[in-house]
Protein backbone atom coordinates (compact mmCIF):
# COMPACT_ATOMS: atom_id res chain seq x y z
CA MET A 1 34.56 86.77 -47.46
CA PHE A 2 31.49 87.56 -45.42
CA LYS A 3 29.34 85.95 -47.68
CA ASN A 4 30.86 82.24 -46.59
CA CYS A 5 30.75 84.04 -42.59
CA PRO A 6 26.94 81.84 -42.09
CA LEU A 7 28.19 78.43 -43.28
CA LEU A 8 31.50 78.74 -41.64
CA LEU A 9 29.53 79.14 -38.08
CA SER A 10 26.78 76.75 -38.92
CA ILE A 11 29.66 74.12 -39.72
CA MET A 12 31.20 75.72 -35.98
CA ILE A 13 27.95 74.66 -34.37
CA LEU A 14 27.69 71.48 -35.52
CA VAL A 15 30.88 70.30 -34.17
CA GLY A 16 30.61 71.92 -31.01
CA CYS A 17 27.41 69.73 -30.39
CA ALA A 18 28.76 66.82 -31.55
CA SER A 19 31.59 67.20 -29.04
CA ASN A 20 29.10 67.52 -26.07
CA LYS A 21 27.42 63.59 -26.63
CA PRO A 22 28.04 61.51 -23.87
CA VAL A 23 30.44 58.52 -24.76
CA ILE A 24 29.00 55.28 -24.15
CA ARG A 25 30.75 52.82 -22.33
CA THR A 26 30.77 48.80 -22.11
CA THR A 27 31.23 48.80 -18.18
CA LYS A 28 32.32 45.59 -16.16
CA SER A 29 28.53 44.97 -14.70
CA SER A 30 27.18 44.60 -18.35
CA SER A 31 30.16 42.32 -19.20
CA ALA A 32 29.25 39.99 -16.24
CA LYS A 33 25.78 40.33 -17.36
CA VAL A 34 26.51 39.07 -21.06
CA LYS A 35 28.72 36.26 -19.06
CA SER A 36 26.31 35.21 -16.98
CA THR A 37 23.47 34.82 -19.38
CA THR A 38 25.81 32.86 -21.56
CA GLN A 39 26.68 30.70 -18.64
CA LYS A 40 22.93 30.20 -18.13
CA THR A 41 22.32 29.16 -21.81
CA SER A 42 25.16 26.74 -21.66
CA THR A 43 24.12 24.92 -18.47
CA SER A 44 20.49 24.87 -19.66
CA ASN A 45 21.73 22.89 -22.91
CA SER A 46 23.73 20.62 -20.80
CA GLN A 47 21.66 19.94 -18.27
CA LYS A 48 19.24 18.95 -21.08
CA ALA A 49 21.89 16.64 -22.63
CA ASN A 50 22.62 15.12 -19.44
CA THR A 51 18.84 14.31 -18.96
CA ALA A 52 18.35 12.78 -22.37
CA THR A 53 21.38 10.48 -21.94
CA ASN A 54 20.78 9.39 -18.50
CA PRO A 55 16.75 9.04 -17.87
CA ASN A 56 17.01 8.48 -14.60
CA ASN A 57 17.83 11.96 -13.95
CA LYS A 58 14.53 13.00 -14.81
CA ASN A 59 12.71 11.96 -11.02
CA LYS A 60 16.08 13.75 -9.54
CA GLU A 61 16.91 16.83 -7.88
CA ILE A 62 19.95 18.46 -10.15
CA VAL A 63 22.23 20.47 -8.53
CA VAL A 64 24.25 22.57 -10.83
CA LYS A 65 27.55 24.09 -9.71
CA THR A 66 28.27 27.51 -11.23
CA LYS A 67 31.68 29.32 -12.02
CA THR A 68 31.45 31.33 -9.17
CA ASN A 69 31.25 28.97 -6.90
CA SER A 70 27.52 29.08 -6.14
CA THR A 71 24.86 26.29 -6.81
CA ILE A 72 21.72 26.35 -8.65
CA THR A 73 19.29 23.43 -7.36
CA LEU A 74 16.65 22.40 -10.11
CA PRO A 75 13.47 20.83 -8.15
CA LYS A 76 12.70 17.50 -9.33
CA THR A 77 10.38 16.84 -12.01
CA ASP A 78 6.71 15.64 -10.65
CA THR A 79 5.79 11.99 -11.91
CA ALA A 80 2.94 10.23 -12.00
CA ILE A 81 3.10 6.90 -10.68
CA LYS A 82 0.33 4.90 -11.80
CA THR A 83 0.05 1.53 -9.47
CA SER A 84 -2.10 -1.19 -11.01
CA SER A 85 -3.66 -4.05 -8.74
CA SER A 86 -5.96 -6.86 -9.45
CA THR A 87 -7.78 -8.52 -7.24
CA ASN A 88 -8.31 -12.38 -8.34
CA LYS A 89 -11.58 -12.60 -7.08
CA SER A 90 -12.05 -16.38 -7.73
CA THR A 91 -12.37 -19.29 -4.37
CA ASN A 92 -11.01 -21.71 -6.47
CA LYS A 93 -7.37 -21.85 -5.00
CA VAL A 94 -5.95 -22.84 -2.00
CA GLU A 95 -5.57 -20.52 0.98
CA VAL A 96 -2.25 -20.48 2.87
CA LEU A 97 -3.56 -17.86 6.03
CA GLN A 98 -1.08 -16.75 8.85
CA ALA A 99 -1.83 -15.19 11.74
CA THR A 100 -1.76 -16.29 15.21
CA THR A 101 -1.34 -19.88 13.28
CA ARG A 102 -0.30 -20.73 9.82
CA VAL A 103 -2.35 -23.44 8.17
CA VAL A 104 -3.13 -24.23 4.85
CA VAL A 105 -7.39 -24.31 4.00
CA THR A 106 -9.18 -24.98 0.75
CA PRO A 107 -12.10 -22.47 -0.33
CA ASP A 108 -14.66 -24.89 0.55
CA ILE A 109 -13.08 -24.67 4.20
CA VAL A 110 -13.29 -21.20 4.35
CA LYS A 111 -16.97 -20.89 2.54
CA LYS A 112 -18.23 -23.55 5.66
CA TYR A 113 -16.95 -20.87 7.95
CA ILE A 114 -18.44 -17.91 6.11
CA ASN A 115 -21.89 -19.57 6.21
CA THR A 116 -21.34 -20.91 10.03
CA TYR A 117 -20.43 -17.64 11.34
CA SER A 118 -21.60 -14.58 8.90
CA PRO A 119 -25.20 -14.30 10.98
CA GLN A 120 -23.38 -13.73 14.10
CA ALA A 121 -21.28 -11.38 12.47
CA GLN A 122 -24.12 -9.36 11.06
CA LYS A 123 -25.86 -9.62 14.30
CA ASN A 124 -22.55 -7.98 15.85
CA MET A 125 -22.51 -5.17 13.21
CA GLN A 126 -26.08 -4.36 14.21
CA ASN A 127 -25.49 -4.39 17.90
CA PHE A 128 -21.50 -2.86 18.10
CA GLY A 129 -21.12 -1.30 14.65
CA VAL A 130 -18.40 -3.66 13.35
CA PRO A 131 -18.78 -4.39 9.73
CA ALA A 132 -19.62 -7.86 9.33
CA SER A 133 -16.92 -8.05 6.40
CA ILE A 134 -14.34 -7.17 8.78
CA THR A 135 -15.49 -9.36 11.64
CA LEU A 136 -15.00 -12.26 9.12
CA ALA A 137 -12.12 -11.56 7.61
CA GLN A 138 -10.43 -11.08 10.49
CA GLY A 139 -11.99 -14.51 11.98
CA ILE A 140 -11.02 -16.11 9.04
CA LEU A 141 -7.33 -15.57 8.85
CA GLU A 142 -6.78 -15.17 12.52
CA SER A 143 -8.55 -18.60 13.18
CA GLY A 144 -7.26 -20.35 10.01
CA ALA A 145 -10.96 -20.38 8.80
CA GLY A 146 -11.96 -22.33 12.14
CA THR A 147 -8.29 -24.92 11.82
CA GLY A 148 -5.68 -23.14 13.94
CA ASP A 149 -4.41 -24.32 16.99
CA LEU A 150 -6.50 -21.17 19.11
CA SER A 151 -9.76 -21.89 17.44
CA ILE A 152 -9.58 -25.34 18.16
CA GLN A 153 -8.49 -25.57 21.78
CA ALA A 154 -9.47 -22.17 23.50
CA ASN A 155 -12.45 -21.17 20.56
CA ASN A 156 -10.43 -17.91 19.99
CA HIS A 157 -11.03 -16.81 16.76
CA PHE A 158 -9.47 -13.41 16.56
CA GLY A 159 -6.16 -13.94 18.22
CA ILE A 160 -6.93 -11.83 21.49
CA LYS A 161 -4.58 -11.71 24.24
CA CYS A 162 -5.37 -11.98 27.60
CA HIS A 163 -4.89 -8.43 29.16
CA LYS A 164 -4.45 -7.20 32.50
CA GLU A 165 -8.43 -7.41 32.47
CA TRP A 166 -8.94 -10.59 31.64
CA LYS A 167 -10.72 -13.03 34.23
CA GLY A 168 -11.87 -15.81 32.19
CA ASP A 169 -9.79 -18.96 30.93
CA SER A 170 -6.67 -18.60 29.18
CA ILE A 171 -4.15 -20.91 27.24
CA LEU A 172 -0.63 -20.30 26.34
CA HIS A 173 0.66 -19.99 22.73
CA ASP A 174 3.44 -19.21 20.87
CA ASP A 175 2.82 -15.60 18.58
CA ASP A 176 5.19 -12.72 19.06
CA ALA A 177 7.18 -14.66 22.00
CA LYS A 178 6.90 -17.48 23.41
CA ASN A 179 4.09 -18.94 25.72
CA GLU A 180 1.83 -15.36 25.33
CA CYS A 181 -1.50 -15.49 27.22
CA PHE A 182 -4.39 -15.75 25.08
CA ARG A 183 -8.36 -15.66 26.37
CA LYS A 184 -10.23 -19.31 26.15
CA TYR A 185 -13.92 -19.05 25.49
CA SER A 186 -16.98 -21.69 26.10
CA SER A 187 -17.81 -21.35 22.49
CA PRO A 188 -16.50 -19.96 18.80
CA ILE A 189 -20.26 -17.40 19.14
CA ASP A 190 -18.65 -15.86 22.61
CA SER A 191 -15.37 -15.44 20.94
CA TYR A 192 -17.14 -13.15 18.21
CA ILE A 193 -19.26 -11.32 21.05
CA ASP A 194 -15.70 -10.50 22.83
CA HIS A 195 -14.22 -9.33 19.44
CA SER A 196 -16.71 -6.36 19.18
CA LEU A 197 -16.74 -5.69 22.91
CA PHE A 198 -13.01 -5.72 22.69
CA LEU A 199 -12.79 -3.11 19.88
CA THR A 200 -15.81 -0.80 21.41
CA SER A 201 -14.14 -0.73 24.87
CA ARG A 202 -10.80 0.49 23.68
CA PRO A 203 -10.25 4.22 23.03
CA TRP A 204 -7.69 3.96 20.58
CA TYR A 205 -10.03 2.20 18.09
CA SER A 206 -12.93 4.74 18.64
CA GLY A 207 -11.74 6.21 15.55
CA LEU A 208 -12.43 3.31 13.73
CA PHE A 209 -16.46 3.75 14.35
CA LYS A 210 -16.46 7.32 12.72
CA LEU A 211 -15.80 5.50 9.38
CA SER A 212 -18.68 4.03 7.37
CA LYS A 213 -19.57 0.43 8.20
CA THR A 214 -19.05 0.27 4.77
CA ASP A 215 -15.21 1.24 3.83
CA TYR A 216 -13.80 -1.91 4.62
CA LYS A 217 -10.13 -0.73 3.45
CA ALA A 218 -10.48 2.17 5.84
CA TRP A 219 -11.02 -0.22 8.59
CA ALA A 220 -9.00 -2.56 7.86
CA LYS A 221 -6.32 -0.23 7.64
CA GLY A 222 -7.24 1.60 11.03
CA LEU A 223 -6.96 -1.76 12.63
CA LYS A 224 -3.21 -1.67 11.85
CA ASP A 225 -2.70 1.79 12.62
CA ALA A 226 -4.41 1.37 16.21
CA GLY A 227 -2.19 -1.60 17.07
CA TYR A 228 -4.29 -4.65 16.45
CA ALA A 229 -1.34 -6.64 14.77
CA THR A 230 2.32 -6.09 14.55
CA ASP A 231 2.24 -7.69 10.91
CA SER A 232 2.66 -4.91 8.53
CA LYS A 233 0.82 -6.45 5.90
CA TYR A 234 -2.02 -6.92 7.94
CA PRO A 235 -4.70 -4.62 6.00
CA GLU A 236 -3.62 -6.05 2.65
CA LYS A 237 -4.52 -9.81 3.69
CA ILE A 238 -7.95 -8.45 5.36
CA ILE A 239 -8.62 -6.58 2.83
CA GLY A 240 -7.72 -9.28 0.05
CA ILE A 241 -9.86 -12.09 1.96
CA ILE A 242 -12.68 -9.47 1.72
CA GLU A 243 -12.27 -9.20 -2.18
CA ARG A 244 -11.78 -12.78 -2.90
CA TYR A 245 -14.97 -13.84 -0.93
CA GLU A 246 -17.19 -11.05 -1.57
CA LEU A 247 -17.38 -10.77 2.32
CA PHE A 248 -18.68 -6.84 1.70
CA LYS A 249 -21.62 -8.11 0.53
CA PHE A 250 -22.48 -9.06 4.37
CA ASP A 251 -22.15 -5.31 4.96
CA ASP A 252 -25.76 -5.21 3.87
CA VAL A 253 -27.97 -6.79 6.92
CA ASN A 254 -30.29 -8.71 4.11
CA TYR A 255 -27.75 -10.15 2.58
CA LYS A 256 -27.18 -14.16 3.39
CA SER A 257 -24.68 -16.58 2.15
CA GLU A 258 -25.10 -19.36 -0.68
CA PRO A 259 -23.31 -22.37 0.17
CA ILE A 260 -20.63 -22.60 -3.08
CA LEU A 261 -19.69 -26.30 -3.35
CA VAL A 262 -16.00 -26.55 -4.06
CA GLU A 263 -13.70 -29.76 -4.79
CA PRO A 264 -11.41 -30.27 -2.30
CA ILE A 265 -7.54 -30.73 -3.23
CA GLU A 266 -4.84 -32.35 -1.56
CA LYS A 267 -3.10 -29.65 0.81
CA ASN A 268 -0.37 -31.59 2.31
CA ASN A 269 1.97 -32.81 -0.49
CA TYR A 270 3.23 -29.13 -0.29
CA THR A 271 5.83 -27.84 1.92
CA VAL A 272 7.31 -24.99 0.05
CA THR A 273 5.20 -21.15 0.07
CA HIS A 274 6.00 -17.94 -0.94
CA GLU A 275 4.15 -14.91 0.25
CA VAL A 276 3.52 -12.24 -2.95
CA ILE A 277 5.26 -8.97 -2.34
CA GLN A 278 5.27 -5.73 -4.15
CA GLY A 279 6.69 -6.45 -8.04
CA ASP A 280 5.90 -10.50 -7.46
CA SER A 281 4.13 -12.24 -10.85
CA LEU A 282 3.80 -15.42 -11.66
CA TYR A 283 6.46 -15.49 -14.17
CA SER A 284 9.01 -13.95 -11.60
CA ILE A 285 7.90 -16.35 -9.14
CA SER A 286 8.16 -19.44 -11.34
CA LYS A 287 11.70 -18.70 -11.85
CA LYS A 288 12.87 -17.86 -8.66
CA TYR A 289 11.73 -21.45 -7.47
CA ASN A 290 12.19 -23.13 -10.76
CA VAL A 291 8.69 -24.29 -11.72
CA ASN A 292 6.60 -24.38 -14.45
CA ILE A 293 3.39 -21.37 -14.06
CA GLU A 294 0.96 -23.60 -14.95
CA ASP A 295 2.07 -25.76 -11.87
CA ILE A 296 1.97 -23.26 -9.82
CA LYS A 297 -1.71 -22.42 -11.32
CA LYS A 298 -2.92 -25.61 -10.91
CA ALA A 299 -1.53 -26.00 -7.22
CA ASN A 300 -3.43 -22.63 -6.19
CA ARG A 301 -6.46 -23.39 -8.56
CA LEU A 302 -5.69 -20.32 -9.92
CA GLU A 303 -8.12 -18.93 -12.93
CA ASN A 304 -5.49 -16.56 -14.67
CA ASP A 305 -2.54 -14.82 -13.82
CA ASN A 306 -3.31 -12.65 -11.32
CA VAL A 307 -1.71 -12.27 -7.81
CA SER A 308 -2.41 -10.15 -4.97
CA ILE A 309 0.25 -8.39 -2.11
CA GLY A 310 -0.17 -10.62 0.84
CA GLN A 311 -1.36 -13.98 -0.76
CA VAL A 312 0.41 -16.76 0.16
CA LEU A 313 0.75 -19.37 -2.85
CA LEU A 314 1.65 -23.37 -2.47
CA ILE A 315 4.61 -24.12 -4.69
CA LYS A 316 6.00 -27.53 -4.72
């Protein structure tokens, strides 16, 4: 009997140790954790499915409401937006210019204007620091390449209003309001000189002169920001004229223009025009006015299908 005591004692010790082991229980917190993990996975899968079925959701913030009434905001996806713009540098087309006067001009009229006033624009650049390309583009737009009412009646090529300090002659002209007072000059050259004096004498234009004389895009945008024009598309129009007629070449004082003969076309037969906006194409414009693309290209002397924002097209 005593021989079996060691064996019995060992069994009793083992049973005692097993009964003293802590018991592992599944608590509410761990249950909540599992539930939360399951819910997160479910939400993620639901989100992916929603994005796949509705592509428009990929650039929006997605707000997911959980069962506990809390919300999870998923950040919107960063999307690179590529904007492609092509500039038609061909001068073989009609220009419809609208600043202080709306006029229709042909490329030969614009080229003649450039040949006439580019020397003065370059001289102003040397004396005052205003890029010649900017001066010429503003002159072309504001005066209708010298054919607008203000330029003919008052030699005012830049649409400069009287303002309180003006002591010279003046003329009344409808612009933002009826019968506004505009400066009147004895010659277009006086208008060119006063344009540079006007920009250099106003403190709100001082930031322009910190820009490079070759950065015509920054100058065009700076003029609008400083309040030179109320037209929201003014920078695009100035940039468009500079690039179509390559006026940036005149920012080199040694560059001289070479006359380009362009066959004039009849401009008085067209009464409907269209100003190109974001998203326009020759196809969409042709559908809007029920005309053929080739007829629009022919009317505007376009060599290809490229159009630029702010460009005004003759339609019919």
